[in-house]
Amino acid sequence: MVPTRRFWGQVGVDAPEPRTLLSSVRSTSHPEHRSNPMHPLLRLLLCTALALTALASGIAAQDLDAAGALGSDVTLKLTNGDTISGRLISNQGLDIVIEHDLLGRIVIPRTTIVLQGREPEPEEEVVELVSPWSGSFDVRLSGSSGNTRDKDYGGELNVRHETESDIDTVLITYTKETASRKPGKNTTKNESFSRYRHEWKIAESRWRPFAQTGVETDQFKNWDYRVEAAGGWGYLLVDEDSERLLGRFGGGANKRIGATDDNEDVNYEALLGLDYSIDFSASKHFFVEATYFPSVSNSGDYRTFSKGELRFDLADDSSWYFKVGADHKYDNTPDPGDDQNDFNYYAGVGSRF
């Protein structure tokens, strides 16, 4: 006969002969009650305990049946963290019987087995979604020299939408001067510039095709609006987490609307530019852009635009910032009475969103 060993937390430890729950109760009962029927309340409690044990055993049996049929090899995980493997002999009742290669037949109480599927599942990692929208808005005081010389005020709005396939940016600036000392000019300065740009991302490539359009107004010019459109290619010369340098080249056209000299012809022009940004620290950022527009329609004519800003965040985790900056416009064939150079410098406060 194959010896049967009972598992009590350590493999190979012999257990005392099993005794049933009812026999234990009868053997420890008072002698005068040994021949008497069991007390009704005690009987009710014992029946309830047996029913719960049978229910748990049934659930465990279902779990073991899912793991393997009788006669198949199983691996049981115990409540103390150990595992034991063997051939499943019986999974009925309060015990599990397996045949171990070295220890022979082992009886394992169900209460020492971790039921399959009852272990706590690991928490799923929560991935925080990053909004594709970002931007900033600021107001500023500034001074100017060139065609106009005085203090002025204005504001700037930047909006950016970036996905895995493209980038959309919107820039709107507005400046108004309270007075001017330039002879022959109006006593106020009122100008604005709006630009929309779309960039396409090419997977595994530094190339960035782009298309853009813009509208410029200036009360001191001899036209009401200048509209422009351009397109071309950009190339990321530097693309690091804290530093970025992008070169652009392409072509486009601009047209003056409401010109007093009746010159509203379309002016075709090329485009060459650089955009550079760097984060000196978590709270100090620098940005500069420069664009050269040589005329194709009128050989020898050209205009340029450049801008630089230094931004200081009020705190590493704050959306508020202070910035100083300047921009420069140059036209080698300015309107009559205008200078070739037009400078603006400013300081302001704003908030990112």
Protein backbone atom coordinates (compact mmCIF):
# COMPACT_ATOMS: atom_id res chain seq x y z
CA MET A 1 0.00 0.00 0.00
CA VAL A 2 1.26 3.50 -0.87
CA PRO A 3 1.81 5.53 2.32
CA THR A 4 -0.20 8.73 2.53
CA ARG A 5 1.42 11.84 3.95
CA ARG A 6 -0.52 14.91 5.04
CA PHE A 7 0.88 18.33 4.22
CA TRP A 8 0.86 20.78 7.15
CA GLY A 9 2.87 23.75 5.83
CA GLN A 10 6.16 21.80 5.39
CA VAL A 11 6.58 19.00 2.90
CA GLY A 12 7.17 15.60 4.45
CA VAL A 13 5.80 16.24 7.97
CA ASP A 14 3.57 13.39 9.19
CA ALA A 15 0.21 14.46 10.55
CA PRO A 16 -1.91 12.74 13.15
CA GLU A 17 -4.68 10.45 12.04
CA PRO A 18 -7.53 12.52 10.63
CA ARG A 19 -10.56 12.96 12.77
CA THR A 20 -13.86 14.23 11.56
CA LEU A 21 -15.40 17.35 12.99
CA LEU A 22 -18.39 15.47 14.48
CA SER A 23 -16.23 12.84 16.11
CA SER A 24 -14.12 15.55 17.70
CA VAL A 25 -17.20 17.22 19.10
CA ARG A 26 -18.59 13.94 20.48
CA SER A 27 -15.27 12.94 22.03
CA THR A 28 -14.94 16.21 23.88
CA SER A 29 -18.55 16.41 24.96
CA HIS A 30 -19.51 15.95 28.58
CA PRO A 31 -20.00 12.24 29.48
CA GLU A 32 -23.59 12.70 30.43
CA HIS A 33 -24.39 14.01 26.96
CA ARG A 34 -22.62 11.27 24.96
CA SER A 35 -25.79 9.24 24.54
CA ASN A 36 -28.06 12.22 24.22
CA PRO A 37 -28.94 13.91 20.92
CA MET A 38 -26.83 16.91 19.97
CA HIS A 39 -28.08 20.25 21.26
CA PRO A 40 -30.20 21.92 18.51
CA LEU A 41 -28.25 25.21 18.55
CA LEU A 42 -24.91 23.41 18.33
CA ARG A 43 -26.26 21.27 15.51
CA LEU A 44 -27.36 24.37 13.62
CA LEU A 45 -23.92 25.96 13.98
CA LEU A 46 -22.17 22.78 12.84
CA CYS A 47 -24.43 22.42 9.81
CA THR A 48 -23.80 26.03 8.82
CA ALA A 49 -20.02 25.56 9.14
CA LEU A 50 -20.14 22.36 7.08
CA ALA A 51 -22.21 24.05 4.39
CA LEU A 52 -19.78 26.97 4.10
CA THR A 53 -16.83 24.55 4.00
CA ALA A 54 -18.52 22.52 1.28
CA LEU A 55 -19.21 25.67 -0.73
CA ALA A 56 -15.58 26.75 -0.50
CA SER A 57 -14.47 23.26 -1.41
CA GLY A 58 -16.73 23.31 -4.47
CA ILE A 59 -15.27 26.62 -5.60
CA ALA A 60 -11.74 25.31 -5.09
CA ALA A 61 -12.60 22.12 -6.95
CA GLN A 62 -13.83 24.15 -9.90
CA ASP A 63 -10.58 26.10 -9.87
CA LEU A 64 -8.54 22.91 -9.82
CA ASP A 65 -10.64 21.37 -12.55
CA ALA A 66 -9.89 24.43 -14.65
CA ALA A 67 -6.18 23.93 -13.98
CA GLY A 68 -6.12 20.23 -14.91
CA ALA A 69 -8.07 16.96 -14.92
CA LEU A 70 -7.50 14.05 -12.57
CA GLY A 71 -4.25 12.31 -13.38
CA SER A 72 -2.68 15.41 -14.88
CA ASP A 73 0.31 17.27 -13.51
CA VAL A 74 -0.57 20.30 -11.40
CA THR A 75 1.35 22.95 -9.49
CA LEU A 76 -0.27 24.33 -6.34
CA LYS A 77 0.61 27.63 -4.73
CA LEU A 78 0.33 27.57 -0.92
CA THR A 79 -0.68 30.36 1.42
CA ASN A 80 2.86 30.54 2.84
CA GLY A 81 4.23 31.38 -0.63
CA ASP A 82 5.62 27.89 -1.45
CA THR A 83 4.62 25.81 -4.48
CA ILE A 84 4.38 22.04 -4.84
CA SER A 85 3.94 19.95 -7.97
CA GLY A 86 2.61 16.47 -8.57
CA ARG A 87 0.01 14.33 -10.28
CA LEU A 88 -3.55 15.13 -9.23
CA ILE A 89 -5.14 12.10 -7.56
CA SER A 90 -8.23 13.60 -5.90
CA ASN A 91 -9.80 17.03 -5.59
CA GLN A 92 -12.95 16.11 -3.67
CA GLY A 93 -13.79 17.02 -0.10
CA LEU A 94 -11.69 19.19 2.20
CA ASP A 95 -8.32 17.88 0.98
CA ILE A 96 -6.37 17.73 -2.27
CA VAL A 97 -4.36 14.56 -2.92
CA ILE A 98 -1.37 14.61 -5.26
CA GLU A 99 1.33 12.05 -6.09
CA HIS A 100 4.80 13.56 -5.64
CA ASP A 101 7.81 12.00 -7.40
CA LEU A 102 9.90 11.85 -4.20
CA LEU A 103 7.48 12.19 -1.29
CA GLY A 104 4.82 9.88 -2.60
CA ARG A 105 1.15 10.58 -2.00
CA ILE A 106 0.53 13.87 -0.19
CA VAL A 107 -2.74 15.15 1.30
CA ILE A 108 -2.98 18.96 1.30
CA PRO A 109 -5.80 20.76 3.14
CA ARG A 110 -7.67 23.16 0.82
CA THR A 111 -7.31 25.93 3.37
CA THR A 112 -3.54 26.00 2.68
CA ILE A 113 -3.98 26.47 -1.11
CA VAL A 114 -4.30 29.81 -2.86
CA LEU A 115 -7.28 29.47 -5.16
CA GLN A 116 -6.55 30.14 -8.79
CA GLY A 117 -7.81 33.49 -10.02
CA ARG A 118 -8.19 34.84 -6.48
CA GLU A 119 -4.86 36.67 -6.30
CA PRO A 120 -5.17 40.46 -6.49
CA GLU A 121 -4.59 41.74 -10.00
CA PRO A 122 -1.83 44.31 -10.44
CA GLU A 123 -3.07 47.86 -10.79
CA GLU A 124 -3.16 49.13 -14.33
CA GLU A 125 -0.75 51.93 -15.07
CA VAL A 126 -2.60 55.20 -15.53
CA VAL A 127 -1.40 57.03 -18.63
CA GLU A 128 -1.97 60.78 -18.46
CA LEU A 129 -3.11 62.18 -21.78
CA VAL A 130 -1.28 65.27 -22.95
CA SER A 131 -3.47 67.90 -24.56
CA PRO A 132 -2.45 68.74 -28.15
CA TRP A 133 -3.34 72.39 -27.48
CA SER A 134 -0.96 74.93 -25.94
CA GLY A 135 -0.32 78.64 -26.16
CA SER A 136 0.34 81.93 -24.42
CA PHE A 137 -1.02 85.45 -24.14
CA ASP A 138 0.79 88.55 -22.94
CA VAL A 139 0.44 92.31 -22.73
CA ARG A 140 3.37 94.66 -22.92
CA LEU A 141 4.74 98.19 -22.90
CA SER A 142 7.27 99.04 -25.57
CA GLY A 143 9.22 101.74 -27.30
CA SER A 144 10.08 102.24 -30.94
CA SER A 145 12.45 104.09 -33.21
CA GLY A 146 12.55 104.63 -36.94
CA ASN A 147 9.35 105.65 -38.65
CA THR A 148 7.77 106.26 -35.23
CA ARG A 149 9.41 107.16 -31.94
CA ASP A 150 7.44 106.89 -28.76
CA LYS A 151 6.09 104.55 -26.11
CA ASP A 152 3.32 102.20 -27.08
CA TYR A 153 1.40 99.23 -25.80
CA GLY A 154 0.23 95.99 -27.30
CA GLY A 155 -0.33 92.29 -26.89
CA GLU A 156 0.47 88.93 -28.44
CA LEU A 157 -1.42 85.66 -28.71
CA ASN A 158 0.21 82.35 -29.63
CA VAL A 159 -1.79 79.14 -30.14
CA ARG A 160 -0.27 75.77 -31.02
CA HIS A 161 -1.90 72.44 -31.88
CA GLU A 162 0.44 69.47 -32.32
CA THR A 163 -0.33 65.84 -33.12
CA GLU A 164 1.74 62.91 -34.36
CA SER A 165 1.19 63.96 -37.96
CA ASP A 166 1.18 67.77 -38.05
CA ILE A 167 1.58 71.10 -36.24
CA ASP A 168 -0.68 74.15 -36.52
CA THR A 169 0.37 77.53 -35.12
CA VAL A 170 -1.43 80.86 -34.95
CA LEU A 171 0.31 84.16 -34.13
CA ILE A 172 -1.55 87.44 -33.58
CA THR A 173 0.20 90.68 -32.52
CA TYR A 174 -1.19 94.15 -32.02
CA THR A 175 0.59 97.42 -31.21
CA LYS A 176 -0.80 100.91 -30.73
CA GLU A 177 1.14 104.09 -30.02
CA THR A 178 -0.23 106.89 -27.91
CA ALA A 179 1.73 109.69 -29.66
CA SER A 180 4.30 110.22 -32.37
CA ARG A 181 6.93 112.87 -32.98
CA LYS A 182 7.66 111.84 -36.54
CA PRO A 183 7.01 114.85 -38.83
CA GLY A 184 4.30 114.29 -41.42
CA LYS A 185 2.90 111.25 -39.69
CA ASN A 186 -0.29 110.72 -37.77
CA THR A 187 -0.23 111.09 -34.02
CA THR A 188 -0.97 107.43 -33.32
CA LYS A 189 0.55 104.10 -34.22
CA ASN A 190 -1.82 101.29 -35.04
CA GLU A 191 -0.53 98.05 -36.58
CA SER A 192 -1.20 94.35 -36.38
CA PHE A 193 0.05 91.10 -37.84
CA SER A 194 -1.63 87.70 -38.01
CA ARG A 195 -0.11 84.46 -39.32
CA TYR A 196 -1.32 80.89 -39.63
CA ARG A 197 1.18 78.10 -40.38
CA HIS A 198 0.66 74.39 -40.96
CA GLU A 199 3.57 71.92 -40.82
CA TRP A 200 3.47 68.28 -41.84
CA LYS A 201 5.51 65.74 -39.89
CA ILE A 202 7.23 63.00 -41.88
CA ALA A 203 7.83 59.82 -39.88
CA GLU A 204 11.50 59.11 -39.15
CA SER A 205 12.53 62.28 -40.98
CA ARG A 206 13.78 65.77 -40.11
CA TRP A 207 12.01 67.32 -43.10
CA ARG A 208 8.94 69.47 -42.38
CA PRO A 209 6.91 70.72 -45.35
CA PHE A 210 4.92 73.82 -44.45
CA ALA A 211 2.34 76.28 -45.76
CA GLN A 212 1.47 79.63 -44.24
CA THR A 213 -0.61 82.73 -44.78
CA GLY A 214 -0.65 86.13 -43.10
CA VAL A 215 -2.29 89.54 -42.97
CA GLU A 216 -0.54 92.77 -41.97
CA THR A 217 -2.06 96.19 -41.24
CA ASP A 218 -0.26 99.47 -40.55
CA GLN A 219 -1.96 102.83 -40.26
CA PHE A 220 1.25 104.63 -41.29
CA LYS A 221 1.66 102.80 -44.59
CA ASN A 222 0.14 103.87 -47.90
CA TRP A 223 -1.92 100.68 -48.06
CA ASP A 224 -4.63 99.21 -45.84
CA TYR A 225 -3.67 95.55 -45.83
CA ARG A 226 -0.83 93.40 -47.06
CA VAL A 227 -1.78 89.75 -47.48
CA GLU A 228 0.78 87.05 -48.08
CA ALA A 229 1.00 83.32 -48.63
CA ALA A 230 4.00 81.03 -48.84
CA GLY A 231 5.02 77.40 -48.73
CA GLY A 232 8.13 75.30 -48.76
CA TRP A 233 10.24 72.92 -46.75
CA GLY A 234 11.70 73.05 -43.28
CA TYR A 235 14.58 70.96 -41.96
CA LEU A 236 15.40 70.28 -38.29
CA LEU A 237 19.11 70.99 -38.00
CA VAL A 238 18.98 70.51 -34.21
CA ASP A 239 16.18 68.62 -32.48
CA GLU A 240 16.89 68.14 -28.78
CA ASP A 241 14.65 68.34 -25.70
CA SER A 242 16.04 71.73 -24.71
CA GLU A 243 17.30 73.08 -28.06
CA ARG A 244 15.81 73.31 -31.54
CA LEU A 245 17.06 74.84 -34.81
CA LEU A 246 14.84 74.75 -37.89
CA GLY A 247 15.78 76.05 -41.34
CA ARG A 248 13.14 77.01 -43.92
CA PHE A 249 13.17 77.69 -47.66
CA GLY A 250 10.41 78.16 -50.15
CA GLY A 251 8.48 80.81 -52.02
CA GLY A 252 5.28 82.80 -52.01
CA ALA A 253 3.62 86.07 -52.90
CA ASN A 254 2.19 89.16 -51.26
CA LYS A 255 -0.34 91.75 -52.38
CA ARG A 256 -1.10 95.23 -51.07
CA ILE A 257 -4.78 96.14 -50.80
CA GLY A 258 -5.97 99.75 -50.68
CA ALA A 259 -2.63 101.20 -51.83
CA THR A 260 -2.70 104.97 -52.43
CA ASP A 261 -0.24 104.68 -55.33
CA ASP A 262 -2.55 102.23 -57.15
CA ASN A 263 0.23 99.65 -57.08
CA GLU A 264 -1.68 96.52 -56.10
CA ASP A 265 0.23 94.09 -58.27
CA VAL A 266 1.11 90.70 -56.83
CA ASN A 267 4.74 90.59 -55.76
CA TYR A 268 6.29 87.13 -55.98
CA GLU A 269 9.15 86.43 -53.61
CA ALA A 270 11.36 83.65 -52.25
CA LEU A 271 11.68 82.75 -48.57
CA LEU A 272 14.72 81.80 -46.48
CA GLY A 273 14.53 81.60 -42.70
CA LEU A 274 15.78 80.19 -39.41
CA ASP A 275 13.93 79.51 -36.14
CA TYR A 276 15.99 78.86 -33.02
CA SER A 277 14.90 78.17 -29.44
CA ILE A 278 16.77 77.02 -26.32
CA ASP A 279 15.87 76.39 -22.69
CA PHE A 280 18.69 77.64 -20.48
CA SER A 281 16.92 76.17 -17.44
CA ALA A 282 13.44 75.15 -16.35
CA SER A 283 12.47 78.83 -16.06
CA LYS A 284 14.66 80.67 -18.62
CA HIS A 285 13.92 80.41 -22.35
CA PHE A 286 15.23 82.18 -25.45
CA PHE A 287 13.75 82.35 -28.95
CA VAL A 288 14.85 84.05 -32.17
CA GLU A 289 13.61 83.93 -35.76
CA ALA A 290 14.89 85.60 -38.93
CA THR A 291 13.34 85.53 -42.43
CA TYR A 292 14.65 86.93 -45.71
CA PHE A 293 12.21 87.68 -48.56
CA PRO A 294 14.03 88.44 -51.86
CA SER A 295 11.65 89.67 -54.54
CA VAL A 296 11.24 87.61 -57.70
CA SER A 297 9.00 90.12 -59.47
CA ASN A 298 11.39 93.06 -58.91
CA SER A 299 15.00 91.97 -59.02
CA GLY A 300 17.12 93.53 -56.30
CA ASP A 301 14.24 94.32 -53.96
CA TYR A 302 13.98 92.47 -50.68
CA ARG A 303 12.66 92.75 -47.15
CA THR A 304 13.54 91.02 -43.88
CA PHE A 305 11.91 90.33 -40.55
CA SER A 306 13.66 89.26 -37.34
CA LYS A 307 12.52 88.85 -33.77
CA GLY A 308 14.04 87.73 -30.47
CA GLU A 309 12.60 87.17 -26.99
CA LEU A 310 13.93 86.17 -23.57
CA ARG A 311 11.30 84.72 -21.23
CA PHE A 312 11.55 84.22 -17.46
CA ASP A 313 8.96 81.99 -15.80
CA LEU A 314 7.95 83.30 -12.38
CA ALA A 315 8.35 79.77 -10.97
CA ASP A 316 9.25 76.36 -12.39
CA ASP A 317 5.64 75.18 -12.08
CA SER A 318 3.98 78.54 -12.82
CA SER A 319 2.19 79.47 -16.04
CA TRP A 320 2.98 83.16 -15.55
CA TYR A 321 6.08 84.70 -17.08
CA PHE A 322 7.92 87.95 -17.76
CA LYS A 323 9.59 88.59 -21.10
CA VAL A 324 11.67 91.17 -22.94
CA GLY A 325 12.11 91.27 -26.68
CA ALA A 326 12.64 93.21 -29.88
CA ASP A 327 11.72 92.91 -33.54
CA HIS A 328 13.17 94.50 -36.67
CA LYS A 329 11.66 95.06 -40.11
CA TYR A 330 13.80 96.12 -43.06
CA ASP A 331 12.71 97.08 -46.59
CA ASN A 332 15.33 98.26 -49.09
CA THR A 333 12.62 100.03 -51.12
CA PRO A 334 10.35 101.59 -48.48
CA ASP A 335 7.27 103.66 -49.17
CA PRO A 336 7.89 107.39 -49.73
CA GLY A 337 8.65 109.10 -46.42
CA ASP A 338 9.42 105.85 -44.58
CA ASP A 339 12.75 104.67 -43.24
CA GLN A 340 14.27 101.41 -44.36
CA ASN A 341 14.55 100.18 -40.74
CA ASP A 342 11.72 99.84 -38.26
CA PHE A 343 12.58 98.67 -34.72
CA ASN A 344 10.31 97.70 -31.84
CA TYR A 345 11.44 96.72 -28.36
CA TYR A 346 9.17 95.74 -25.51
CA ALA A 347 8.69 94.12 -22.11
CA GLY A 348 5.58 92.41 -20.84
CA VAL A 349 3.92 89.81 -18.66
CA GLY A 350 1.80 86.90 -19.75
CA SER A 351 0.49 83.45 -19.04
CA ARG A 352 0.83 80.09 -20.78
CA PHE A 353 -2.12 77.74 -21.25
